Amino acid sequence: MKRLSILLAACMLLGGCGSNSAPEPAAEPASAPAETAAAETDNAGSEASKPLVLYFSRKGEQYVVGVIEEGNTAVVAKMIAEETGADLMKVLPADDHYPMTYDELTEVAKQEQNDNARPEYAGELNIADYDVIFVGSPVWWGDWPMLMYTVFENNDFSGKKLIPFSTHEGSGLAGFDKKLAKACPDSTILEGLAVRGSDAQNNREQTKQAVTDWLGTLEY
């Protein structure tokens, strides 16, 4: 009995004997995320995962801007990634048959559209872990390049939020949103953005502001 009394007194001096009295151990620091081409910031729009910017772009000779080392769509894609902390994923043709000269490129693009072709892309596009995907490309003959339809049909976009963007020289968004909704009927399509290729190349600050304003309407 005397021994029990001594133990009780010791417990009172220590602030209690229950397991809840001890502080929780400090959490182990999370391991650093894998380095990506995009800026490593938290995703402001989705708690489940950071967004993805999935895009197709061409360098070489382009309408109005001449020969460029970085495609118009790539410029815009990187601005979106920088603003949102998204990962970047570029769609590459499996057999790069697209010419670097503008006139020849338009001929190939038109022939693919007339044939309703589905050109193959290189590798695999791992989109499963992304809930929000920005999808962009240049406008080719008033439509998505046929390569992008291969992407839409060969991957599961069900349940994802898809946000289209285009680069162009007069055709605007070219119905990318409606065509994307038709190609991916089980996805939610949000408001898109159209940027002139000449602005993407030569008016970077103006283009960046347009991207920022657009992302603001999407709550990014």
Protein backbone atom coordinates (compact mmCIF):
# COMPACT_ATOMS: atom_id res chain seq x y z
CA MET A 1 0.00 0.00 0.00
CA LYS A 2 2.81 2.39 0.91
CA ARG A 3 4.51 1.56 -2.39
CA LEU A 4 1.30 2.36 -4.33
CA SER A 5 1.02 5.73 -2.56
CA ILE A 6 4.58 6.60 -3.55
CA LEU A 7 3.86 5.73 -7.21
CA LEU A 8 0.69 7.86 -7.24
CA ALA A 9 2.57 10.80 -5.81
CA ALA A 10 5.27 10.47 -8.44
CA CYS A 11 2.67 10.45 -11.21
CA MET A 12 1.09 13.63 -9.87
CA LEU A 13 4.45 15.39 -9.85
CA LEU A 14 5.07 14.41 -13.49
CA GLY A 15 1.71 15.80 -14.61
CA GLY A 16 -0.24 12.56 -14.94
CA CYS A 17 0.34 8.94 -15.95
CA GLY A 18 -2.01 8.65 -18.92
CA SER A 19 -0.58 8.17 -22.42
CA ASN A 20 -2.28 11.42 -23.58
CA SER A 21 -0.02 13.48 -21.32
CA ALA A 22 3.08 12.92 -23.44
CA PRO A 23 3.54 15.16 -26.53
CA GLU A 24 3.16 13.51 -29.95
CA PRO A 25 6.50 12.75 -31.57
CA ALA A 26 7.49 15.23 -34.27
CA ALA A 27 6.45 14.13 -37.74
CA GLU A 28 9.17 12.92 -40.05
CA PRO A 29 9.83 15.46 -42.80
CA ALA A 30 8.26 14.49 -46.12
CA SER A 31 10.69 13.43 -48.79
CA ALA A 32 11.33 16.04 -51.46
CA PRO A 33 9.19 15.68 -54.62
CA ALA A 34 10.87 14.46 -57.76
CA GLU A 35 12.26 17.27 -59.86
CA THR A 36 10.13 18.10 -62.90
CA ALA A 37 10.33 20.56 -65.75
CA ALA A 38 7.64 22.65 -64.07
CA ALA A 39 8.03 24.93 -61.08
CA GLU A 40 7.77 22.98 -57.83
CA THR A 41 4.94 24.79 -56.07
CA ASP A 42 1.79 23.54 -54.41
CA ASN A 43 -1.24 23.00 -56.61
CA ALA A 44 -3.67 25.80 -55.81
CA GLY A 45 -6.61 24.25 -57.56
CA SER A 46 -6.72 20.65 -56.33
CA GLU A 47 -5.81 19.09 -53.02
CA ALA A 48 -5.56 15.64 -54.57
CA SER A 49 -2.63 16.37 -56.85
CA LYS A 50 -0.83 19.08 -58.74
CA PRO A 51 -2.16 19.77 -62.24
CA LEU A 52 -0.57 18.67 -65.49
CA VAL A 53 0.12 20.68 -68.64
CA LEU A 54 -0.11 18.28 -71.57
CA TYR A 55 0.84 19.89 -74.87
CA PHE A 56 2.00 19.47 -78.45
CA SER A 57 4.18 22.14 -80.01
CA ARG A 58 6.38 22.64 -83.07
CA LYS A 59 9.49 24.67 -83.66
CA GLY A 60 10.88 25.52 -87.08
CA GLU A 61 9.25 27.88 -89.58
CA GLN A 62 5.91 29.23 -88.34
CA TYR A 63 3.38 31.64 -89.78
CA VAL A 64 4.13 35.33 -89.04
CA VAL A 65 6.97 34.65 -86.58
CA GLY A 66 9.40 32.94 -88.96
CA VAL A 67 11.85 30.28 -87.79
CA ILE A 68 11.62 29.69 -84.04
CA GLU A 69 13.64 27.54 -81.65
CA GLU A 70 10.74 26.98 -79.24
CA GLY A 71 7.17 26.36 -80.36
CA ASN A 72 4.45 28.91 -79.63
CA THR A 73 2.41 26.44 -77.61
CA ALA A 74 5.46 25.40 -75.61
CA VAL A 75 5.95 29.02 -74.53
CA VAL A 76 2.39 29.25 -73.23
CA ALA A 77 2.53 25.78 -71.65
CA LYS A 78 5.58 26.75 -69.60
CA MET A 79 3.89 29.95 -68.43
CA ILE A 80 0.89 27.95 -67.21
CA ALA A 81 3.17 25.49 -65.42
CA GLU A 82 5.10 28.30 -63.77
CA GLU A 83 1.93 29.98 -62.52
CA THR A 84 0.23 26.82 -61.24
CA GLY A 85 3.13 24.60 -60.20
CA ALA A 86 1.95 22.02 -62.72
CA ASP A 87 4.01 19.25 -64.25
CA LEU A 88 4.81 19.50 -67.96
CA MET A 89 4.32 16.66 -70.42
CA LYS A 90 5.05 17.15 -74.12
CA VAL A 91 3.41 14.99 -76.77
CA LEU A 92 6.02 13.81 -79.29
CA PRO A 93 5.20 12.12 -82.60
CA ALA A 94 6.48 8.54 -82.74
CA ASP A 95 7.74 9.11 -86.27
CA ASP A 96 8.40 12.81 -86.60
CA HIS A 97 7.16 13.26 -90.14
CA TYR A 98 6.16 16.90 -89.62
CA PRO A 99 8.32 19.17 -91.82
CA MET A 100 10.16 22.17 -90.41
CA THR A 101 9.05 24.43 -93.28
CA TYR A 102 5.66 26.06 -92.87
CA ASP A 103 4.09 25.36 -96.28
CA GLU A 104 5.06 21.69 -96.21
CA LEU A 105 3.81 21.37 -92.64
CA THR A 106 0.39 22.75 -93.57
CA GLU A 107 0.14 20.25 -96.43
CA VAL A 108 0.88 17.31 -94.14
CA ALA A 109 -1.54 18.59 -91.50
CA LYS A 110 -4.29 19.02 -94.09
CA GLN A 111 -3.75 15.54 -95.49
CA GLU A 112 -3.97 14.02 -92.01
CA GLN A 113 -7.20 15.89 -91.38
CA ASN A 114 -8.69 14.78 -94.71
CA ASP A 115 -7.75 11.18 -93.89
CA ASN A 116 -9.01 11.48 -90.31
CA ALA A 117 -5.62 10.03 -89.46
CA ARG A 118 -4.44 8.99 -86.01
CA PRO A 119 -0.65 9.49 -85.98
CA GLU A 120 1.14 7.64 -83.21
CA TYR A 121 2.92 9.41 -80.39
CA ALA A 122 6.12 8.33 -78.71
CA GLY A 123 6.20 6.52 -75.35
CA GLU A 124 3.45 6.46 -72.77
CA LEU A 125 1.55 9.39 -71.29
CA ASN A 126 1.15 8.75 -67.57
CA ILE A 127 -1.88 10.88 -66.75
CA ALA A 128 -3.58 8.64 -64.19
CA ASP A 129 -2.44 10.61 -61.13
CA TYR A 130 -3.68 13.98 -62.40
CA ASP A 131 -7.17 15.31 -61.70
CA VAL A 132 -6.72 18.59 -63.59
CA ILE A 133 -5.05 18.67 -67.00
CA PHE A 134 -4.36 21.72 -69.15
CA VAL A 135 -4.35 20.51 -72.77
CA GLY A 136 -2.82 22.64 -75.51
CA SER A 137 -1.65 22.69 -79.11
CA PRO A 138 -1.49 24.93 -82.15
CA VAL A 139 -4.62 25.22 -84.26
CA TRP A 140 -4.19 23.28 -87.49
CA TRP A 141 -6.82 23.94 -90.13
CA GLY A 142 -9.39 25.03 -87.54
CA ASP A 143 -8.99 21.95 -85.37
CA TRP A 144 -6.75 20.04 -82.98
CA PRO A 145 -3.85 18.34 -84.78
CA MET A 146 -4.83 14.76 -85.55
CA LEU A 147 -2.01 13.62 -83.26
CA MET A 148 -3.98 15.01 -80.31
CA TYR A 149 -7.03 12.92 -81.19
CA THR A 150 -4.78 9.87 -80.88
CA VAL A 151 -3.92 11.11 -77.38
CA PHE A 152 -7.58 11.66 -76.47
CA GLU A 153 -8.65 8.22 -77.70
CA ASN A 154 -5.74 6.20 -76.29
CA ASN A 155 -5.85 7.54 -72.73
CA ASP A 156 -8.48 7.53 -70.00
CA PHE A 157 -9.56 11.10 -69.26
CA SER A 158 -12.73 10.03 -67.45
CA GLY A 159 -13.57 12.10 -64.39
CA LYS A 160 -10.80 14.62 -65.03
CA LYS A 161 -11.07 18.38 -65.47
CA LEU A 162 -9.65 19.32 -68.85
CA ILE A 163 -8.71 22.90 -69.66
CA PRO A 164 -7.90 23.59 -73.33
CA PHE A 165 -5.56 26.25 -74.69
CA SER A 166 -4.47 27.07 -78.22
CA THR A 167 -1.94 29.12 -80.15
CA HIS A 168 -3.12 30.58 -83.45
CA GLU A 169 -2.93 33.51 -85.84
CA GLY A 170 -6.60 34.38 -86.20
CA SER A 171 -8.70 31.30 -85.49
CA GLY A 172 -8.87 31.79 -81.71
CA LEU A 173 -9.73 28.73 -79.66
CA ALA A 174 -11.21 27.15 -82.81
CA GLY A 175 -13.82 25.20 -80.85
CA PHE A 176 -11.14 23.26 -78.97
CA ASP A 177 -13.43 23.11 -75.93
CA LYS A 178 -16.40 21.61 -77.79
CA LYS A 179 -14.24 19.19 -79.74
CA LEU A 180 -12.47 18.12 -76.58
CA ALA A 181 -15.84 17.54 -74.89
CA LYS A 182 -16.89 15.32 -77.78
CA ALA A 183 -13.61 13.38 -77.76
CA CYS A 184 -13.64 12.97 -73.94
CA PRO A 185 -17.34 12.85 -73.01
CA ASP A 186 -16.75 11.65 -69.45
CA SER A 187 -14.55 14.63 -68.57
CA THR A 188 -15.41 18.12 -67.37
CA ILE A 189 -14.25 20.82 -69.79
CA LEU A 190 -13.41 24.24 -68.34
CA GLU A 191 -12.94 27.63 -70.00
CA GLY A 192 -10.11 27.69 -72.52
CA LEU A 193 -7.50 30.24 -73.58
CA ALA A 194 -6.40 31.30 -77.07
CA VAL A 195 -3.07 33.09 -77.60
CA ARG A 196 -1.68 34.39 -80.86
CA GLY A 197 1.59 32.69 -81.71
CA SER A 198 3.15 36.03 -82.59
CA ASP A 199 2.31 37.29 -79.08
CA ALA A 200 3.72 34.15 -77.48
CA GLN A 201 7.01 34.79 -79.27
CA ASN A 202 7.26 38.58 -79.35
CA ASN A 203 5.03 39.92 -76.55
CA ARG A 204 5.93 37.70 -73.61
CA GLU A 205 4.80 40.09 -70.87
CA GLN A 206 1.42 40.62 -72.53
CA THR A 207 1.02 36.88 -73.00
CA LYS A 208 2.00 36.16 -69.41
CA GLN A 209 -0.58 38.66 -68.17
CA ALA A 210 -3.25 37.03 -70.32
CA VAL A 211 -2.33 33.64 -68.87
CA THR A 212 -2.41 35.03 -65.31
CA ASP A 213 -5.81 36.66 -65.84
CA TRP A 214 -7.24 33.48 -67.34
CA LEU A 215 -5.91 31.32 -64.52
CA GLY A 216 -7.49 33.76 -62.09
CA THR A 217 -10.93 33.04 -63.54
CA LEU A 218 -10.19 29.34 -62.93
CA GLU A 219 -9.17 30.14 -59.33
CA TYR A 220 -5.47 29.41 -59.79
